[in-house]
PDB file of N, CA and C in Angstrom:
ATOM      1  N   LEU A   1    -136.633  96.233-117.755  1.00  0.00           N
ATOM      2  CA  LEU A   1    -136.025  96.435-119.122  1.00  0.00           C
ATOM      3  C   LEU A   1    -136.878  97.348-120.071  1.00  0.00           C
ATOM      4  N   ASP A   2    -138.196  97.224-119.858  1.00  0.00           N
ATOM      5  CA  ASP A   2    -139.095  98.061-120.642  1.00  0.00           C
ATOM      6  C   ASP A   2    -138.937  99.544-120.282  1.00  0.00           C
ATOM      7  N   GLU A   3    -138.718  99.889-119.080  1.00  0.00           N
ATOM      8  CA  GLU A   3    -138.701 101.141-118.499  1.00  0.00           C
ATOM      9  C   GLU A   3    -137.290 101.861-118.630  1.00  0.00           C
ATOM     10  N   ALA A   4    -136.277 101.114-118.531  1.00  0.00           N
ATOM     11  CA  ALA A   4    -134.928 101.718-118.574  1.00  0.00           C
ATOM     12  C   ALA A   4    -133.933 100.863-119.413  1.00  0.00           C
ATOM     13  N   SER A   5    -133.123 101.490-120.103  1.00  0.00           N
ATOM     14  CA  SER A   5    -132.164 100.734-120.949  1.00  0.00           C
ATOM     15  C   SER A   5    -130.719 101.109-120.653  1.00  0.00           C
ATOM     16  N   ASP A   6    -130.566 101.819-119.564  1.00  0.00           N
ATOM     17  CA  ASP A   6    -129.188 102.296-119.221  1.00  0.00           C
ATOM     18  C   ASP A   6    -128.220 101.129-119.023  1.00  0.00           C
ATOM     19  N   LEU A   7    -128.563 100.095-118.373  1.00  0.00           N
ATOM     20  CA  LEU A   7    -127.649  98.900-118.203  1.00  0.00           C
ATOM     21  C   LEU A   7    -127.335  98.232-119.513  1.00  0.00           C
ATOM     22  N   ARG A   8    -128.382  98.106-120.289  1.00  0.00           N
ATOM     23  CA  ARG A   8    -128.139  97.401-121.614  1.00  0.00           C
ATOM     24  C   ARG A   8    -127.270  98.272-122.555  1.00  0.00           C
ATOM     25  N   GLU A   9    -127.454  99.654-122.494  1.00  0.00           N
ATOM     26  CA  GLU A   9    -126.591 100.518-123.238  1.00  0.00           C
ATOM     27  C   GLU A   9    -125.122 100.510-122.668  1.00  0.00           C
ATOM     28  N   LYS A  10    -124.963 100.443-121.416  1.00  0.00           N
ATOM     29  CA  LYS A  10    -123.607 100.418-120.825  1.00  0.00           C
ATOM     30  C   LYS A  10    -122.908  99.107-121.185  1.00  0.00           C
ATOM     31  N   LEU A  11    -123.702  98.031-121.143  1.00  0.00           N
ATOM     32  CA  LEU A  11    -123.117  96.763-121.645  1.00  0.00           C
ATOM     33  C   LEU A  11    -122.647  96.797-123.021  1.00  0.00           C
ATOM     34  N   GLN A  12    -123.471  97.293-123.854  1.00  0.00           N
ATOM     35  CA  GLN A  12    -123.094  97.476-125.302  1.00  0.00           C
ATOM     36  C   GLN A  12    -121.817  98.405-125.502  1.00  0.00           C
ATOM     37  N   ASN A  13    -121.891  99.415-124.822  1.00  0.00           N
ATOM     38  CA  ASN A  13    -120.732 100.414-124.876  1.00  0.00           C
ATOM     39  C   ASN A  13    -119.407  99.707-124.386  1.00  0.00           C
ATOM     40  N   ASN A  14    -119.598  99.023-123.191  1.00  0.00           N
ATOM     41  CA  ASN A  14    -118.404  98.293-122.699  1.00  0.00           C
ATOM     42  C   ASN A  14    -117.862  97.266-123.669  1.00  0.00           C
ATOM     43  N   THR A  15    -118.799  96.537-124.268  1.00  0.00           N
ATOM     44  CA  THR A  15    -118.408  95.437-125.211  1.00  0.00           C
ATOM     45  C   THR A  15    -117.738  96.115-126.433  1.00  0.00           C
ATOM     46  N   CYS A  16    -118.259  97.103-127.050  1.00  0.00           N
ATOM     47  CA  CYS A  16    -117.670  97.788-128.175  1.00  0.00           C
ATOM     48  C   CYS A  16    -116.271  98.322-127.819  1.00  0.00           C
ATOM     49  N   TYR A  17    -116.237  98.973-126.714  1.00  0.00           N
ATOM     50  CA  TYR A  17    -114.885  99.521-126.238  1.00  0.00           C
ATOM     51  C   TYR A  17    -113.857  98.465-126.083  1.00  0.00           C
ATOM     52  N   PHE A  18    -114.157  97.378-125.387  1.00  0.00           N
ATOM     53  CA  PHE A  18    -113.207  96.266-125.240  1.00  0.00           C
ATOM     54  C   PHE A  18    -112.822  95.686-126.501  1.00  0.00           C
ATOM     55  N   ARG A  19    -113.711  95.362-127.363  1.00  0.00           N
ATOM     56  CA  ARG A  19    -113.461  94.754-128.661  1.00  0.00           C
ATOM     57  C   ARG A  19    -112.528  95.649-129.497  1.00  0.00           C
ATOM     58  N   GLU A  20    -112.890  96.928-129.554  1.00  0.00           N
ATOM     59  CA  GLU A  20    -112.144  97.893-130.305  1.00  0.00           C
ATOM     60  C   GLU A  20    -110.652  98.017-129.875  1.00  0.00           C
ATOM     61  N   LYS A  21    -110.461  98.191-128.516  1.00  0.00           N
ATOM     62  CA  LYS A  21    -109.158  98.343-127.975  1.00  0.00           C
ATOM     63  C   LYS A  21    -108.345  97.019-128.132  1.00  0.00           C
ATOM     64  N   MET A  22    -108.921  95.890-127.944  1.00  0.00           N
ATOM     65  CA  MET A  22    -108.257  94.592-128.077  1.00  0.00           C
ATOM     66  C   MET A  22    -107.839  94.426-129.540  1.00  0.00           C
ATOM     67  N   SER A  23    -108.660  94.784-130.407  1.00  0.00           N
ATOM     68  CA  SER A  23    -108.388  94.580-131.852  1.00  0.00           C
ATOM     69  C   SER A  23    -107.260  95.564-132.268  1.00  0.00           C
ATOM     70  N   GLN A  24    -107.239  96.741-131.701  1.00  0.00           N
ATOM     71  CA  GLN A  24    -106.234  97.722-132.047  1.00  0.00           C
ATOM     72  C   GLN A  24    -104.867  97.279-131.446  1.00  0.00           C
ATOM     73  N   ALA A  25    -104.943  96.585-130.329  1.00  0.00           N
ATOM     74  CA  ALA A  25    -103.708  96.030-129.720  1.00  0.00           C
ATOM     75  C   ALA A  25    -103.091  94.852-130.538  1.00  0.00           C
ATOM     76  N   GLY A  26    -103.947  94.340-131.411  1.00  0.00           N
ATOM     77  CA  GLY A  26    -103.410  93.184-132.258  1.00  0.00           C
ATOM     78  C   GLY A  26    -103.962  91.849-132.045  1.00  0.00           C
ATOM     79  N   PHE A  27    -104.930  91.742-131.180  1.00  0.00           N
ATOM     80  CA  PHE A  27    -105.552  90.462-130.784  1.00  0.00           C
ATOM     81  C   PHE A  27    -106.474  90.004-131.860  1.00  0.00           C
ATOM     82  N   ASP A  28    -106.629  88.734-132.108  1.00  0.00           N
ATOM     83  CA  ASP A  28    -107.523  88.044-132.999  1.00  0.00           C
ATOM     84  C   ASP A  28    -108.822  87.728-132.182  1.00  0.00           C
ATOM     85  N   LEU A  29    -109.934  88.393-132.482  1.00  0.00           N
ATOM     86  CA  LEU A  29    -111.111  88.176-131.745  1.00  0.00           C
ATOM     87  C   LEU A  29    -112.145  87.544-132.719  1.00  0.00           C
ATOM     88  N   LYS A  30    -112.915  86.577-132.224  1.00  0.00           N
ATOM     89  CA  LYS A  30    -113.962  86.074-132.978  1.00  0.00           C
ATOM     90  C   LYS A  30    -114.992  87.200-133.169  1.00  0.00           C
ATOM     91  N   PRO A  31    -115.485  87.372-134.357  1.00  0.00           N
ATOM     92  CA  PRO A  31    -116.399  88.533-134.610  1.00  0.00           C
ATOM     93  C   PRO A  31    -117.748  88.354-133.856  1.00  0.00           C
ATOM     94  N   GLY A  32    -118.331  89.470-133.604  1.00  0.00           N
ATOM     95  CA  GLY A  32    -119.630  89.443-132.889  1.00  0.00           C
ATOM     96  C   GLY A  32    -119.826  90.744-132.123  1.00  0.00           C
ATOM     97  N   VAL A  33    -121.082  90.914-131.631  1.00  0.00           N
ATOM     98  CA  VAL A  33    -121.367  92.133-130.963  1.00  0.00           C
ATOM     99  C   VAL A  33    -121.913  91.798-129.534  1.00  0.00           C
ATOM    100  N   HIS A  34    -121.768  90.558-129.176  1.00  0.00           N
ATOM    101  CA  HIS A  34    -122.163  90.087-127.872  1.00  0.00           C
ATOM    102  C   HIS A  34    -121.100  90.228-126.761  1.00  0.00           C
ATOM    103  N   PRO A  35    -121.502  90.252-125.499  1.00  0.00           N
ATOM    104  CA  PRO A  35    -120.490  90.523-124.417  1.00  0.00           C
ATOM    105  C   PRO A  35    -119.600  89.343-124.128  1.00  0.00           C
ATOM    106  N   ILE A  36    -119.640  88.244-124.763  1.00  0.00           N
ATOM    107  CA  ILE A  36    -118.738  87.148-124.583  1.00  0.00           C
ATOM    108  C   ILE A  36    -117.718  87.381-125.772  1.00  0.00           C
ATOM    109  N   VAL A  37    -116.438  87.643-125.371  1.00  0.00           N
ATOM    110  CA  VAL A  37    -115.454  87.976-126.370  1.00  0.00           C
ATOM    111  C   VAL A  37    -114.341  86.920-126.382  1.00  0.00           C
ATOM    112  N   PRO A  38    -114.309  86.084-127.348  1.00  0.00           N
ATOM    113  CA  PRO A  38    -113.311  85.040-127.591  1.00  0.00           C
ATOM    114  C   PRO A  38    -112.036  85.657-128.158  1.00  0.00           C
ATOM    115  N   VAL A  39    -110.998  85.611-127.370  1.00  0.00           N
ATOM    116  CA  VAL A  39    -109.634  86.051-127.832  1.00  0.00           C
ATOM    117  C   VAL A  39    -108.910  84.828-128.257  1.00  0.00           C
ATOM    118  N   MET A  40    -108.787  84.696-129.556  1.00  0.00           N
ATOM    119  CA  MET A  40    -108.306  83.460-130.181  1.00  0.00           C
ATOM    120  C   MET A  40    -106.684  83.315-129.939  1.00  0.00           C
ATOM    121  N   LEU A  41    -106.331  82.223-129.425  1.00  0.00           N
ATOM    122  CA  LEU A  41    -104.831  81.892-129.237  1.00  0.00           C
ATOM    123  C   LEU A  41    -104.497  80.625-129.968  1.00  0.00           C
ATOM    124  N   TYR A  42    -105.413  79.794-130.333  1.00  0.00           N
ATOM    125  CA  TYR A  42    -105.370  78.604-131.115  1.00  0.00           C
ATOM    126  C   TYR A  42    -104.722  77.359-130.534  1.00  0.00           C
ATOM    127  N   GLU A  43    -103.683  77.598-129.629  1.00  0.00           N
ATOM    128  CA  GLU A  43    -103.054  76.454-129.021  1.00  0.00           C
ATOM    129  C   GLU A  43    -103.342  76.288-127.536  1.00  0.00           C
ATOM    130  N   ALA A  44    -103.756  75.088-127.138  1.00  0.00           N
ATOM    131  CA  ALA A  44    -104.202  74.865-125.799  1.00  0.00           C
ATOM    132  C   ALA A  44    -103.162  75.198-124.680  1.00  0.00           C
ATOM    133  N   PRO A  45    -101.881  74.842-124.871  1.00  0.00           N
ATOM    134  CA  PRO A  45    -100.940  75.227-123.863  1.00  0.00           C
ATOM    135  C   PRO A  45    -100.783  76.755-123.758  1.00  0.00           C
ATOM    136  N   LEU A  46    -100.847  77.416-124.882  1.00  0.00           N
ATOM    137  CA  LEU A  46    -100.761  78.838-124.838  1.00  0.00           C
ATOM    138  C   LEU A  46    -101.931  79.463-124.139  1.00  0.00           C
ATOM    139  N   ALA A  47    -103.123  79.000-124.419  1.00  0.00           N
ATOM    140  CA  ALA A  47    -104.326  79.556-123.729  1.00  0.00           C
ATOM    141  C   ALA A  47    -104.232  79.266-122.197  1.00  0.00           C
ATOM    142  N   GLN A  48    -103.756  78.121-121.855  1.00  0.00           N
ATOM    143  CA  GLN A  48    -103.597  77.905-120.363  1.00  0.00           C
ATOM    144  C   GLN A  48    -102.509  78.774-119.696  1.00  0.00           C
ATOM    145  N   GLU A  49    -101.484  78.935-120.410  1.00  0.00           N
ATOM    146  CA  GLU A  49    -100.409  79.806-119.786  1.00  0.00           C
ATOM    147  C   GLU A  49    -100.892  81.257-119.777  1.00  0.00           C
ATOM    148  N   PHE A  50    -101.612  81.713-120.815  1.00  0.00           N
ATOM    149  CA  PHE A  50    -102.080  83.061-120.943  1.00  0.00           C
ATOM    150  C   PHE A  50    -103.013  83.348-119.740  1.00  0.00           C
ATOM    151  N   ALA A  51    -103.977  82.390-119.529  1.00  0.00           N
ATOM    152  CA  ALA A  51    -104.913  82.524-118.489  1.00  0.00           C
ATOM    153  C   ALA A  51    -104.249  82.623-117.113  1.00  0.00           C
ATOM    154  N   LYS A  52    -103.269  81.787-116.915  1.00  0.00           N
ATOM    155  CA  LYS A  52    -102.501  81.771-115.643  1.00  0.00           C
ATOM    156  C   LYS A  52    -101.810  83.118-115.464  1.00  0.00           C
ATOM    157  N   ARG A  53    -101.218  83.688-116.454  1.00  0.00           N
ATOM    158  CA  ARG A  53    -100.392  84.934-116.389  1.00  0.00           C
ATOM    159  C   ARG A  53    -101.467  86.100-116.158  1.00  0.00           C
ATOM    160  N   LEU A  54    -102.610  85.995-116.794  1.00  0.00           N
ATOM    161  CA  LEU A  54    -103.602  87.080-116.577  1.00  0.00           C
ATOM    162  C   LEU A  54    -104.043  87.068-115.043  1.00  0.00           C
ATOM    163  N   LEU A  55    -104.210  85.844-114.508  1.00  0.00           N
ATOM    164  CA  LEU A  55    -104.650  85.692-113.112  1.00  0.00           C
ATOM    165  C   LEU A  55    -103.584  86.412-112.197  1.00  0.00           C
ATOM    166  N   ASP A  56    -102.254  86.097-112.565  1.00  0.00           N
ATOM    167  CA  ASP A  56    -101.138  86.792-111.806  1.00  0.00           C
ATOM    168  C   ASP A  56    -101.295  88.281-111.839  1.00  0.00           C
ATOM    169  N   GLU A  57    -101.916  88.788-112.874  1.00  0.00           N
ATOM    170  CA  GLU A  57    -102.108  90.250-113.026  1.00  0.00           C
ATOM    171  C   GLU A  57    -103.383  90.761-112.476  1.00  0.00           C
ATOM    172  N   GLY A  58    -104.153  89.817-111.813  1.00  0.00           N
ATOM    173  CA  GLY A  58    -105.360  90.197-111.214  1.00  0.00           C
ATOM    174  C   GLY A  58    -106.622  90.193-112.118  1.00  0.00           C
ATOM    175  N   ILE A  59    -106.428  89.438-113.329  1.00  0.00           N
ATOM    176  CA  ILE A  59    -107.525  89.410-114.344  1.00  0.00           C
ATOM    177  C   ILE A  59    -107.940  87.952-114.407  1.00  0.00           C
ATOM    178  N   TYR A  60    -109.189  87.618-114.079  1.00  0.00           N
ATOM    179  CA  TYR A  60    -109.712  86.312-114.136  1.00  0.00           C
ATOM    180  C   TYR A  60    -110.388  86.152-115.544  1.00  0.00           C
ATOM    181  N   ALA A  61    -109.772  85.239-116.326  1.00  0.00           N
ATOM    182  CA  ALA A  61    -110.302  84.907-117.638  1.00  0.00           C
ATOM    183  C   ALA A  61    -110.015  83.426-117.864  1.00  0.00           C
ATOM    184  N   VAL A  62    -110.950  82.783-118.521  1.00  0.00           N
ATOM    185  CA  VAL A  62    -110.840  81.344-118.709  1.00  0.00           C
ATOM    186  C   VAL A  62    -110.320  80.947-119.976  1.00  0.00           C
ATOM    187  N   GLY A  63    -109.406  80.023-119.993  1.00  0.00           N
ATOM    188  CA  GLY A  63    -108.887  79.355-121.237  1.00  0.00           C
ATOM    189  C   GLY A  63    -109.834  78.284-121.665  1.00  0.00           C
ATOM    190  N   PHE A  64    -110.217  78.282-122.936  1.00  0.00           N
ATOM    191  CA  PHE A  64    -111.039  77.274-123.443  1.00  0.00           C
ATOM    192  C   PHE A  64    -110.177  76.523-124.530  1.00  0.00           C
ATOM    193  N   PHE A  65    -110.208  75.176-124.516  1.00  0.00           N
ATOM    194  CA  PHE A  65    -109.517  74.319-125.429  1.00  0.00           C
ATOM    195  C   PHE A  65    -110.129  73.061-125.589  1.00  0.00           C
ATOM    196  N   PHE A  66    -109.676  72.137-126.453  1.00  0.00           N
ATOM    197  CA  PHE A  66    -110.258  70.872-126.631  1.00  0.00           C
ATOM    198  C   PHE A  66    -110.330  70.068-125.386  1.00  0.00           C
ATOM    199  N   PRO A  67    -111.491  69.492-125.057  1.00  0.00           N
ATOM    200  CA  PRO A  67    -112.648  69.146-125.957  1.00  0.00           C
ATOM    201  C   PRO A  67    -113.753  70.151-125.831  1.00  0.00           C
ATOM    202  N   VAL A  68    -113.621  71.306-125.175  1.00  0.00           N
ATOM    203  CA  VAL A  68    -114.621  72.360-125.101  1.00  0.00           C
ATOM    204  C   VAL A  68    -114.801  72.992-126.384  1.00  0.00           C
ATOM    205  N   VAL A  69    -113.750  73.225-127.068  1.00  0.00           N
ATOM    206  CA  VAL A  69    -113.705  73.781-128.475  1.00  0.00           C
ATOM    207  C   VAL A  69    -112.927  72.893-129.363  1.00  0.00           C
ATOM    208  N   ALA A  70    -113.031  73.002-130.621  1.00  0.00           N
ATOM    209  CA  ALA A  70    -112.291  72.205-131.627  1.00  0.00           C
ATOM    210  C   ALA A  70    -110.774  72.305-131.416  1.00  0.00           C
ATOM    211  N   LYS A  71    -110.035  71.263-131.693  1.00  0.00           N
ATOM    212  CA  LYS A  71    -108.614  71.375-131.660  1.00  0.00           C
ATOM    213  C   LYS A  71    -108.151  72.405-132.568  1.00  0.00           C
ATOM    214  N   GLY A  72    -107.160  73.207-132.104  1.00  0.00           N
ATOM    215  CA  GLY A  72    -106.609  74.336-132.922  1.00  0.00           C
ATOM    216  C   GLY A  72    -107.434  75.617-132.799  1.00  0.00           C
ATOM    217  N   LYS A  73    -108.433  75.556-131.952  1.00  0.00           N
ATOM    218  CA  LYS A  73    -109.272  76.774-131.721  1.00  0.00           C
ATOM    219  C   LYS A  73    -109.308  77.286-130.339  1.00  0.00           C
ATOM    220  N   ALA A  74    -108.135  77.051-129.562  1.00  0.00           N
ATOM    221  CA  ALA A  74    -108.116  77.462-128.150  1.00  0.00           C
ATOM    222  C   ALA A  74    -108.215  78.982-128.110  1.00  0.00           C
ATOM    223  N   ARG A  75    -108.771  79.426-126.974  1.00  0.00           N
ATOM    224  CA  ARG A  75    -109.031  80.801-126.760  1.00  0.00           C
ATOM    225  C   ARG A  75    -109.150  81.199-125.282  1.00  0.00           C
ATOM    226  N   ILE A  76    -109.110  82.451-125.004  1.00  0.00           N
ATOM    227  CA  ILE A  76    -109.486  82.984-123.722  1.00  0.00           C
ATOM    228  C   ILE A  76    -110.851  83.574-123.912  1.00  0.00           C
ATOM    229  N   ARG A  77    -111.702  83.179-123.025  1.00  0.00           N
ATOM    230  CA  ARG A  77    -113.106  83.730-123.058  1.00  0.00           C
ATOM    231  C   ARG A  77    -113.253  84.828-122.037  1.00  0.00           C
ATOM    232  N   VAL A  78    -113.653  85.995-122.560  1.00  0.00           N
ATOM    233  CA  VAL A  78    -113.796  87.138-121.689  1.00  0.00           C
ATOM    234  C   VAL A  78    -115.293  87.472-121.728  1.00  0.00           C
ATOM    235  N   GLN A  79    -115.815  87.813-120.505  1.00  0.00           N
ATOM    236  CA  GLN A  79    -117.187  88.043-120.326  1.00  0.00           C
ATOM    237  C   GLN A  79    -117.280  89.535-119.818  1.00  0.00           C
ATOM    238  N   ILE A  80    -117.731  90.438-120.697  1.00  0.00           N
ATOM    239  CA  ILE A  80    -117.987  91.823-120.359  1.00  0.00           C
ATOM    240  C   ILE A  80    -119.288  91.982-119.608  1.00  0.00           C
ATOM    241  N   SER A  81    -119.322  92.955-118.687  1.00  0.00           N
ATOM    242  CA  SER A  81    -120.492  93.198-117.916  1.00  0.00           C
ATOM    243  C   SER A  81    -120.777  94.675-117.836  1.00  0.00           C
ATOM    244  N   ALA A  82    -122.039  94.994-117.542  1.00  0.00           N
ATOM    245  CA  ALA A  82    -122.456  96.390-117.265  1.00  0.00           C
ATOM    246  C   ALA A  82    -121.876  96.861-116.035  1.00  0.00           C
ATOM    247  N   ALA A  83    -121.415  96.032-115.165  1.00  0.00           N
ATOM    248  CA  ALA A  83    -120.878  96.388-113.835  1.00  0.00           C
ATOM    249  C   ALA A  83    -119.385  96.899-114.084  1.00  0.00           C
ATOM    250  N   HIS A  84    -118.763  96.566-115.133  1.00  0.00           N
ATOM    251  CA  HIS A  84    -117.435  97.052-115.357  1.00  0.00           C
ATOM    252  C   HIS A  84    -117.427  98.525-115.752  1.00  0.00           C
ATOM    253  N   GLU A  85    -116.497  99.150-115.084  1.00  0.00           N
ATOM    254  CA  GLU A  85    -116.207 100.643-115.457  1.00  0.00           C
ATOM    255  C   GLU A  85    -115.044 100.626-116.513  1.00  0.00           C
ATOM    256  N   GLN A  86    -114.811 101.734-117.119  1.00  0.00           N
ATOM    257  CA  GLN A  86    -113.776 101.785-118.234  1.00  0.00           C
ATOM    258  C   GLN A  86    -112.470 101.509-117.598  1.00  0.00           C
ATOM    259  N   HIS A  87    -112.226 101.930-116.373  1.00  0.00           N
ATOM    260  CA  HIS A  87    -110.864 101.667-115.838  1.00  0.00           C
ATOM    261  C   HIS A  87    -110.627 100.127-115.599  1.00  0.00           C
ATOM    262  N   HIS A  88    -111.689  99.394-115.351  1.00  0.00           N
ATOM    263  CA  HIS A  88    -111.652  97.981-115.263  1.00  0.00           C
ATOM    264  C   HIS A  88    -111.212  97.376-116.590  1.00  0.00           C
ATOM    265  N   LEU A  89    -111.871  97.790-117.650  1.00  0.00           N
ATOM    266  CA  LEU A  89    -111.591  97.385-118.964  1.00  0.00           C
ATOM    267  C   LEU A  89    -110.177  97.742-119.401  1.00  0.00           C
ATOM    268  N   ASP A  90    -109.773  98.965-119.109  1.00  0.00           N
ATOM    269  CA  ASP A  90    -108.370  99.388-119.406  1.00  0.00           C
ATOM    270  C   ASP A  90    -107.388  98.504-118.703  1.00  0.00           C
ATOM    271  N   LYS A  91    -107.631  98.201-117.450  1.00  0.00           N
ATOM    272  CA  LYS A  91    -106.692  97.308-116.693  1.00  0.00           C
ATOM    273  C   LYS A  91    -106.601  95.924-117.325  1.00  0.00           C
ATOM    274  N   ALA A  92    -107.768  95.404-117.794  1.00  0.00           N
ATOM    275  CA  ALA A  92    -107.751  94.074-118.422  1.00  0.00           C
ATOM    276  C   ALA A  92    -107.054  94.153-119.812  1.00  0.00           C
ATOM    277  N   ILE A  93    -107.269  95.228-120.575  1.00  0.00           N
ATOM    278  CA  ILE A  93    -106.624  95.320-121.833  1.00  0.00           C
ATOM    279  C   ILE A  93    -105.066  95.520-121.674  1.00  0.00           C
ATOM    280  N   GLN A  94    -104.674  96.282-120.707  1.00  0.00           N
ATOM    281  CA  GLN A  94    -103.289  96.404-120.410  1.00  0.00           C
ATOM    282  C   GLN A  94    -102.628  95.103-120.083  1.00  0.00           C
ATOM    283  N   ALA A  95    -103.262  94.341-119.164  1.00  0.00           N
ATOM    284  CA  ALA A  95    -102.805  93.006-118.819  1.00  0.00           C
ATOM    285  C   ALA A  95    -102.698  92.107-120.085  1.00  0.00           C
ATOM    286  N   PHE A  96    -103.726  91.996-120.800  1.00  0.00           N
ATOM    287  CA  PHE A  96    -103.754  91.223-122.021  1.00  0.00           C
ATOM    288  C   PHE A  96    -102.608  91.593-122.901  1.00  0.00           C
ATOM    289  N   THR A  97    -102.402  92.897-123.101  1.00  0.00           N
ATOM    290  CA  THR A  97    -101.303  93.368-123.916  1.00  0.00           C
ATOM    291  C   THR A  97     -99.967  93.019-123.456  1.00  0.00           C
ATOM    292  N   GLU A  98     -99.727  93.178-122.140  1.00  0.00           N
ATOM    293  CA  GLU A  98     -98.350  92.837-121.480  1.00  0.00           C
ATOM    294  C   GLU A  98     -98.157  91.316-121.620  1.00  0.00           C
ATOM    295  N   VAL A  99     -99.133  90.481-121.326  1.00  0.00           N
ATOM    296  CA  VAL A  99     -98.975  89.100-121.385  1.00  0.00           C
ATOM    297  C   VAL A  99     -98.850  88.626-122.814  1.00  0.00           C
ATOM    298  N   GLY A 100     -99.593  89.220-123.714  1.00  0.00           N
ATOM    299  CA  GLY A 100     -99.487  88.991-125.145  1.00  0.00           C
ATOM    300  C   GLY A 100     -98.116  89.212-125.678  1.00  0.00           C
ATOM    301  N   LYS A 101     -97.463  90.215-125.266  1.00  0.00           N
ATOM    302  CA  LYS A 101     -96.037  90.501-125.672  1.00  0.00           C
ATOM    303  C   LYS A 101     -95.109  89.592-125.121  1.00  0.00           C
ATOM    304  N   GLU A 102     -95.323  89.324-123.797  1.00  0.00           N
ATOM    305  CA  GLU A 102     -94.347  88.337-123.142  1.00  0.00           C
ATOM    306  C   GLU A 102     -94.407  86.921-123.746  1.00  0.00           C
ATOM    307  N   LEU A 103     -95.570  86.465-124.176  1.00  0.00           N
ATOM    308  CA  LEU A 103     -95.764  85.151-124.711  1.00  0.00           C
ATOM    309  C   LEU A 103     -95.681  85.142-126.264  1.00  0.00           C
ATOM    310  N   GLY A 104     -95.315  86.205-126.894  1.00  0.00           N
ATOM    311  CA  GLY A 104     -95.118  86.234-128.353  1.00  0.00           C
ATOM    312  C   GLY A 104     -96.369  86.263-129.159  1.00  0.00           C
ATOM    313  N   VAL A 105     -97.524  86.517-128.554  1.00  0.00           N
ATOM    314  CA  VAL A 105     -98.782  86.648-129.320  1.00  0.00           C
ATOM    315  C   VAL A 105     -98.872  87.949-129.979  1.00  0.00           C
ATOM    316  N   LEU A 106     -98.383  89.050-129.413  1.00  0.00           N
ATOM    317  CA  LEU A 106     -98.284  90.385-129.906  1.00  0.00           C
ATOM    318  C   LEU A 106     -96.851  90.716-130.252  1.00  0.00           C
ATOM    319  N   LYS A 107     -96.621  91.596-131.224  1.00  0.00           N
ATOM    320  CA  LYS A 107     -95.254  92.061-131.540  1.00  0.00           C
ATOM    321  C   LYS A 107     -95.023  93.264-130.850  1.00  0.00           C
TER     322      LYS A 107
END
């Protein structure tokens, strides 16, 4: 880490890219600059169904709901990595957007 910062920079770039594109798509994200991106859905059944549909699209993301988080604060937890390439992020964003429209999260 002292000698090279390329992976740290890539992780930061990936995180910023994913957050920006997801926000532009209309998702409610908990604020932050860290690579754990909570996509707020608020309702446990919706988070469970959303995660299932994402998996059907080849995207593994975990739904978090009570008792892991407070009631009414259900979410999908996305973990960004320096190993992701932009096309991976784009595929995930596309899947989120399609599922979000199908489930009425996005207009």
